[in-house]
PDB file of N, CA and C in Angstrom:
ATOM      1  N   MET A   1     -20.198 -19.258  -2.242  1.00  0.00           N
ATOM      2  CA  MET A   1     -19.019 -18.460  -1.702  1.00  0.00           C
ATOM      3  C   MET A   1     -19.124 -16.749  -2.738  1.00  0.00           C
ATOM      4  N   VAL A   2     -18.571 -16.163  -1.724  1.00  0.00           N
ATOM      5  CA  VAL A   2     -18.478 -14.825  -2.346  1.00  0.00           C
ATOM      6  C   VAL A   2     -17.036 -14.233  -2.778  1.00  0.00           C
ATOM      7  N   ASN A   3     -16.329 -14.045  -3.810  1.00  0.00           N
ATOM      8  CA  ASN A   3     -14.649 -13.719  -3.714  1.00  0.00           C
ATOM      9  C   ASN A   3     -14.871 -12.185  -3.764  1.00  0.00           C
ATOM     10  N   THR A   4     -14.188 -11.708  -3.158  1.00  0.00           N
ATOM     11  CA  THR A   4     -14.045 -10.013  -3.175  1.00  0.00           C
ATOM     12  C   THR A   4     -12.459  -9.849  -2.597  1.00  0.00           C
ATOM     13  N   PHE A   5     -12.365  -8.513  -2.613  1.00  0.00           N
ATOM     14  CA  PHE A   5     -10.849  -8.438  -2.381  1.00  0.00           C
ATOM     15  C   PHE A   5     -11.145  -6.653  -2.348  1.00  0.00           C
ATOM     16  N   VAL A   6     -10.437  -6.260  -1.389  1.00  0.00           N
ATOM     17  CA  VAL A   6      -9.955  -4.822  -1.158  1.00  0.00           C
ATOM     18  C   VAL A   6      -8.715  -4.190  -1.403  1.00  0.00           C
ATOM     19  N   MET A   7      -8.805  -2.781  -2.053  1.00  0.00           N
ATOM     20  CA  MET A   7      -7.649  -2.170  -2.250  1.00  0.00           C
ATOM     21  C   MET A   7      -7.218  -1.213  -1.457  1.00  0.00           C
ATOM     22  N   ILE A   8      -6.351  -1.225  -0.616  1.00  0.00           N
ATOM     23  CA  ILE A   8      -6.112   0.163   0.414  1.00  0.00           C
ATOM     24  C   ILE A   8      -5.322   1.201  -0.175  1.00  0.00           C
ATOM     25  N   THR A   9      -5.678   2.296   0.078  1.00  0.00           N
ATOM     26  CA  THR A   9      -4.891   3.595  -0.587  1.00  0.00           C
ATOM     27  C   THR A   9      -4.769   4.546   0.419  1.00  0.00           C
ATOM     28  N   MET A  10      -3.547   4.998   0.393  1.00  0.00           N
ATOM     29  CA  MET A  10      -2.800   6.182   1.260  1.00  0.00           C
ATOM     30  C   MET A  10      -2.584   7.111   0.523  1.00  0.00           C
ATOM     31  N   PRO A  11      -1.834   8.165   1.042  1.00  0.00           N
ATOM     32  CA  PRO A  11      -1.411   9.490   0.544  1.00  0.00           C
ATOM     33  C   PRO A  11      -0.034   8.881   0.108  1.00  0.00           C
ATOM     34  N   PRO A  12       0.382   9.524  -0.916  1.00  0.00           N
ATOM     35  CA  PRO A  12       1.575   9.296  -1.581  1.00  0.00           C
ATOM     36  C   PRO A  12       2.906   9.306  -1.229  1.00  0.00           C
ATOM     37  N   ASN A  13       3.897   8.281  -1.495  1.00  0.00           N
ATOM     38  CA  ASN A  13       5.582   8.885  -0.561  1.00  0.00           C
ATOM     39  C   ASN A  13       5.951   9.686  -1.625  1.00  0.00           C
ATOM     40  N   ARG A  14       7.043  10.398  -1.718  1.00  0.00           N
ATOM     41  CA  ARG A  14       7.649  11.323  -2.695  1.00  0.00           C
ATOM     42  C   ARG A  14       7.777  11.240  -4.116  1.00  0.00           C
ATOM     43  N   ARG A  15       8.064   9.452  -4.377  1.00  0.00           N
ATOM     44  CA  ARG A  15       7.940   9.340  -5.754  1.00  0.00           C
ATOM     45  C   ARG A  15       6.935   9.106  -6.594  1.00  0.00           C
ATOM     46  N   MET A  16       6.010   8.770  -5.556  1.00  0.00           N
ATOM     47  CA  MET A  16       4.697   8.648  -6.362  1.00  0.00           C
ATOM     48  C   MET A  16       3.874   9.802  -6.348  1.00  0.00           C
ATOM     49  N   ALA A  17       4.313  10.632  -5.687  1.00  0.00           N
ATOM     50  CA  ALA A  17       3.414  11.782  -5.641  1.00  0.00           C
ATOM     51  C   ALA A  17       3.606  13.233  -6.524  1.00  0.00           C
ATOM     52  N   GLU A  18       4.886  12.324  -7.675  1.00  0.00           N
ATOM     53  CA  GLU A  18       4.815  13.014  -8.992  1.00  0.00           C
ATOM     54  C   GLU A  18       4.538  12.456  -9.913  1.00  0.00           C
ATOM     55  N   ILE A  19       3.457  11.665  -9.876  1.00  0.00           N
ATOM     56  CA  ILE A  19       2.242  11.106 -10.860  1.00  0.00           C
ATOM     57  C   ILE A  19       1.085  10.953 -10.346  1.00  0.00           C
ATOM     58  N   HIS A  20       0.651  10.873  -8.879  1.00  0.00           N
ATOM     59  CA  HIS A  20      -0.613  10.586  -8.669  1.00  0.00           C
ATOM     60  C   HIS A  20      -0.662  10.900  -7.369  1.00  0.00           C
ATOM     61  N   ASP A  21      -2.052  11.198  -6.786  1.00  0.00           N
ATOM     62  CA  ASP A  21      -2.137  11.872  -5.219  1.00  0.00           C
ATOM     63  C   ASP A  21      -2.483  11.000  -4.451  1.00  0.00           C
ATOM     64  N   ARG A  22      -2.590   9.287  -4.632  1.00  0.00           N
ATOM     65  CA  ARG A  22      -2.783   8.317  -3.957  1.00  0.00           C
ATOM     66  C   ARG A  22      -1.873   7.384  -4.365  1.00  0.00           C
ATOM     67  N   MET A  23      -1.504   6.567  -3.465  1.00  0.00           N
ATOM     68  CA  MET A  23      -1.116   5.144  -3.472  1.00  0.00           C
ATOM     69  C   MET A  23      -1.406   4.061  -3.307  1.00  0.00           C
ATOM     70  N   GLN A  24      -1.303   2.797  -3.388  1.00  0.00           N
ATOM     71  CA  GLN A  24      -1.415   1.689  -2.920  1.00  0.00           C
ATOM     72  C   GLN A  24      -0.757   1.667  -1.343  1.00  0.00           C
ATOM     73  N   ALA A  25      -1.154   1.019  -0.435  1.00  0.00           N
ATOM     74  CA  ALA A  25      -0.723   0.515   0.714  1.00  0.00           C
ATOM     75  C   ALA A  25      -0.069  -0.785   0.491  1.00  0.00           C
ATOM     76  N   ILE A  26       1.261  -1.183   0.752  1.00  0.00           N
ATOM     77  CA  ILE A  26       1.654  -2.093   0.402  1.00  0.00           C
ATOM     78  C   ILE A  26       2.699  -2.589   1.658  1.00  0.00           C
ATOM     79  N   LEU A  27       2.197  -4.027   1.480  1.00  0.00           N
ATOM     80  CA  LEU A  27       2.486  -4.730   3.083  1.00  0.00           C
ATOM     81  C   LEU A  27       4.135  -4.975   2.579  1.00  0.00           C
ATOM     82  N   GLU A  28       4.852  -4.946   3.477  1.00  0.00           N
ATOM     83  CA  GLU A  28       6.362  -5.147   3.213  1.00  0.00           C
ATOM     84  C   GLU A  28       5.877  -6.700   3.857  1.00  0.00           C
ATOM     85  N   ARG A  29       7.212  -7.231   3.717  1.00  0.00           N
ATOM     86  CA  ARG A  29       7.173  -8.897   3.871  1.00  0.00           C
ATOM     87  C   ARG A  29       7.395  -9.060   5.735  1.00  0.00           C
ATOM     88  N   GLY A  30       8.055  -8.148   6.300  1.00  0.00           N
ATOM     89  CA  GLY A  30       8.402  -8.421   7.938  1.00  0.00           C
ATOM     90  C   GLY A  30       7.330  -7.806   8.646  1.00  0.00           C
ATOM     91  N   ASP A  31       5.974  -7.114   7.579  1.00  0.00           N
ATOM     92  CA  ASP A  31       4.649  -6.946   8.473  1.00  0.00           C
ATOM     93  C   ASP A  31       3.873  -8.054   8.491  1.00  0.00           C
ATOM     94  N   ILE A  32       3.608  -8.827   7.621  1.00  0.00           N
ATOM     95  CA  ILE A  32       2.788  -9.726   7.638  1.00  0.00           C
ATOM     96  C   ILE A  32       1.891 -10.734   8.564  1.00  0.00           C
ATOM     97  N   LYS A  33       3.150 -10.864   9.569  1.00  0.00           N
ATOM     98  CA  LYS A  33       2.434 -11.218  10.885  1.00  0.00           C
ATOM     99  C   LYS A  33       1.760 -10.482  11.641  1.00  0.00           C
ATOM    100  N   THR A  34       2.218  -8.825  11.639  1.00  0.00           N
ATOM    101  CA  THR A  34       1.236  -8.028  12.513  1.00  0.00           C
ATOM    102  C   THR A  34      -0.319  -7.971  11.766  1.00  0.00           C
ATOM    103  N   TRP A  35      -0.153  -8.061  10.092  1.00  0.00           N
ATOM    104  CA  TRP A  35      -1.313  -8.327   9.474  1.00  0.00           C
ATOM    105  C   TRP A  35      -1.861  -8.919   9.574  1.00  0.00           C
ATOM    106  N   LEU A  36      -1.924  -9.853   9.866  1.00  0.00           N
ATOM    107  CA  LEU A  36      -2.648 -11.191  10.141  1.00  0.00           C
ATOM    108  C   LEU A  36      -2.491 -11.681  11.739  1.00  0.00           C
ATOM    109  N   ASN A  37      -2.215 -10.711  12.751  1.00  0.00           N
ATOM    110  CA  ASN A  37      -2.589 -11.203  13.991  1.00  0.00           C
ATOM    111  C   ASN A  37      -4.009 -10.852  14.410  1.00  0.00           C
ATOM    112  N   HIS A  38      -4.357 -12.145  14.706  1.00  0.00           N
ATOM    113  CA  HIS A  38      -5.893 -11.897  15.078  1.00  0.00           C
ATOM    114  C   HIS A  38      -6.495 -11.121  16.358  1.00  0.00           C
ATOM    115  N   GLY A  39      -5.269 -10.774  17.441  1.00  0.00           N
ATOM    116  CA  GLY A  39      -5.492 -10.189  18.386  1.00  0.00           C
ATOM    117  C   GLY A  39      -5.478  -8.592  17.931  1.00  0.00           C
ATOM    118  N   LEU A  40      -5.534  -8.242  16.903  1.00  0.00           N
ATOM    119  CA  LEU A  40      -5.290  -6.718  16.693  1.00  0.00           C
ATOM    120  C   LEU A  40      -7.136  -6.505  15.506  1.00  0.00           C
ATOM    121  N   THR A  41      -7.460  -5.524  16.229  1.00  0.00           N
ATOM    122  CA  THR A  41      -8.792  -4.748  15.461  1.00  0.00           C
ATOM    123  C   THR A  41      -8.542  -4.595  13.988  1.00  0.00           C
ATOM    124  N   GLY A  42      -9.491  -4.385  13.004  1.00  0.00           N
ATOM    125  CA  GLY A  42      -9.334  -4.382  11.579  1.00  0.00           C
ATOM    126  C   GLY A  42      -8.889  -2.578  11.721  1.00  0.00           C
ATOM    127  N   THR A  43      -8.851  -1.610  12.345  1.00  0.00           N
ATOM    128  CA  THR A  43      -8.490  -0.466  12.425  1.00  0.00           C
ATOM    129  C   THR A  43      -6.813  -0.105  13.283  1.00  0.00           C
ATOM    130  N   GLN A  44      -6.662  -1.089  13.914  1.00  0.00           N
ATOM    131  CA  GLN A  44      -5.414  -1.466  14.161  1.00  0.00           C
ATOM    132  C   GLN A  44      -4.162  -1.759  13.193  1.00  0.00           C
ATOM    133  N   ARG A  45      -4.995  -2.932  12.445  1.00  0.00           N
ATOM    134  CA  ARG A  45      -4.182  -3.316  11.318  1.00  0.00           C
ATOM    135  C   ARG A  45      -3.634  -1.848  10.285  1.00  0.00           C
ATOM    136  N   LEU A  46      -4.905  -1.462   9.950  1.00  0.00           N
ATOM    137  CA  LEU A  46      -5.152  -0.541   9.270  1.00  0.00           C
ATOM    138  C   LEU A  46      -3.642   0.808   9.429  1.00  0.00           C
ATOM    139  N   ALA A  47      -4.057   1.137  10.764  1.00  0.00           N
ATOM    140  CA  ALA A  47      -3.248   2.099  11.202  1.00  0.00           C
ATOM    141  C   ALA A  47      -1.680   1.732  11.086  1.00  0.00           C
ATOM    142  N   SER A  48      -1.339   0.312  11.142  1.00  0.00           N
ATOM    143  CA  SER A  48       0.023  -0.014  11.235  1.00  0.00           C
ATOM    144  C   SER A  48       0.641  -0.540   9.718  1.00  0.00           C
ATOM    145  N   LEU A  49      -0.348  -0.314   8.774  1.00  0.00           N
ATOM    146  CA  LEU A  49       0.287  -0.428   7.532  1.00  0.00           C
ATOM    147  C   LEU A  49       0.287   0.981   7.190  1.00  0.00           C
ATOM    148  N   GLN A  50      -0.843   1.712   7.568  1.00  0.00           N
ATOM    149  CA  GLN A  50      -0.354   3.281   6.971  1.00  0.00           C
ATOM    150  C   GLN A  50       0.163   4.327   7.819  1.00  0.00           C
ATOM    151  N   GLY A  51       0.859   3.776   8.986  1.00  0.00           N
ATOM    152  CA  GLY A  51       1.916   4.170   9.328  1.00  0.00           C
ATOM    153  C   GLY A  51       3.247   4.018   8.930  1.00  0.00           C
ATOM    154  N   LYS A  52       3.118   3.504   7.902  1.00  0.00           N
ATOM    155  CA  LYS A  52       4.759   2.453   7.413  1.00  0.00           C
ATOM    156  C   LYS A  52       4.621   2.801   5.746  1.00  0.00           C
ATOM    157  N   PRO A  53       4.709   3.865   5.629  1.00  0.00           N
ATOM    158  CA  PRO A  53       4.719   3.634   4.030  1.00  0.00           C
ATOM    159  C   PRO A  53       6.023   2.980   3.171  1.00  0.00           C
ATOM    160  N   CYS A  54       5.438   2.421   2.353  1.00  0.00           N
ATOM    161  CA  CYS A  54       6.885   2.094   1.471  1.00  0.00           C
ATOM    162  C   CYS A  54       8.188   3.433   0.785  1.00  0.00           C
ATOM    163  N   LEU A  55       9.082   2.943   1.175  1.00  0.00           N
ATOM    164  CA  LEU A  55       9.471   4.197   0.879  1.00  0.00           C
ATOM    165  C   LEU A  55       9.994   4.401  -0.438  1.00  0.00           C
ATOM    166  N   SER A  56      10.360   5.472  -0.769  1.00  0.00           N
ATOM    167  CA  SER A  56      10.518   5.803  -2.455  1.00  0.00           C
ATOM    168  C   SER A  56      11.496   5.345  -3.208  1.00  0.00           C
ATOM    169  N   GLU A  57      12.725   4.957  -2.145  1.00  0.00           N
ATOM    170  CA  GLU A  57      13.806   3.920  -2.770  1.00  0.00           C
ATOM    171  C   GLU A  57      13.483   2.768  -3.079  1.00  0.00           C
ATOM    172  N   THR A  58      12.243   1.996  -2.468  1.00  0.00           N
ATOM    173  CA  THR A  58      12.269   0.921  -2.888  1.00  0.00           C
ATOM    174  C   THR A  58      11.307   0.597  -3.749  1.00  0.00           C
ATOM    175  N   LEU A  59      10.665   2.081  -4.425  1.00  0.00           N
ATOM    176  CA  LEU A  59       9.879   1.758  -6.051  1.00  0.00           C
ATOM    177  C   LEU A  59      10.182   1.992  -7.129  1.00  0.00           C
ATOM    178  N   LYS A  60      10.044   1.336  -7.836  1.00  0.00           N
ATOM    179  CA  LYS A  60      10.070   0.994  -9.403  1.00  0.00           C
ATOM    180  C   LYS A  60       9.337   1.722 -10.038  1.00  0.00           C
ATOM    181  N   ILE A  61       9.321   3.411 -10.416  1.00  0.00           N
ATOM    182  CA  ILE A  61       7.892   3.540 -11.065  1.00  0.00           C
ATOM    183  C   ILE A  61       8.249   3.856 -12.738  1.00  0.00           C
ATOM    184  N   SER A  62       7.467   3.271 -13.424  1.00  0.00           N
ATOM    185  CA  SER A  62       7.688   3.820 -15.030  1.00  0.00           C
ATOM    186  C   SER A  62       6.765   4.337 -15.465  1.00  0.00           C
ATOM    187  N   VAL A  63       6.405   5.091 -16.662  1.00  0.00           N
ATOM    188  CA  VAL A  63       5.230   5.680 -17.016  1.00  0.00           C
ATOM    189  C   VAL A  63       5.407   5.203 -18.227  1.00  0.00           C
ATOM    190  N   GLU A  64       4.701   4.487 -19.126  1.00  0.00           N
ATOM    191  CA  GLU A  64       4.376   3.995 -20.479  1.00  0.00           C
ATOM    192  C   GLU A  64       3.453   4.647 -21.139  1.00  0.00           C
ATOM    193  N   GLN A  65       3.873   5.364 -22.043  1.00  0.00           N
ATOM    194  CA  GLN A  65       2.470   6.086 -22.904  1.00  0.00           C
ATOM    195  C   GLN A  65       2.138   5.624 -23.870  1.00  0.00           C
ATOM    196  N   SER A  66       1.011   5.410 -24.385  1.00  0.00           N
ATOM    197  CA  SER A  66       0.337   4.707 -25.541  1.00  0.00           C
ATOM    198  C   SER A  66       0.526   5.025 -26.778  1.00  0.00           C
ATOM    199  N   LYS A  67       1.045   3.776 -27.597  1.00  0.00           N
ATOM    200  CA  LYS A  67       0.940   4.235 -28.867  1.00  0.00           C
ATOM    201  C   LYS A  67       0.376   4.029 -30.015  1.00  0.00           C
ATOM    202  N   SER A  68      -0.948   4.723 -29.995  1.00  0.00           N
ATOM    203  CA  SER A  68      -1.797   4.204 -30.517  1.00  0.00           C
ATOM    204  C   SER A  68      -2.064   5.149 -31.791  1.00  0.00           C
TER     205      SER A  68
END
């Protein structure tokens, strides 16, 4: 068995754009059934995920600087 994972990124929402040019695609709880739908192709799943970026208001972003 090979353990693997993939991280899907997309253009940032307004808040994340303040600190980076990409962000992770975040699967909302209500979209889990769509993501796991075996009737959809990978391209269709990806399009549904990227078509609904996480709203800026739902993210809590903090930036910590190293104290070395």
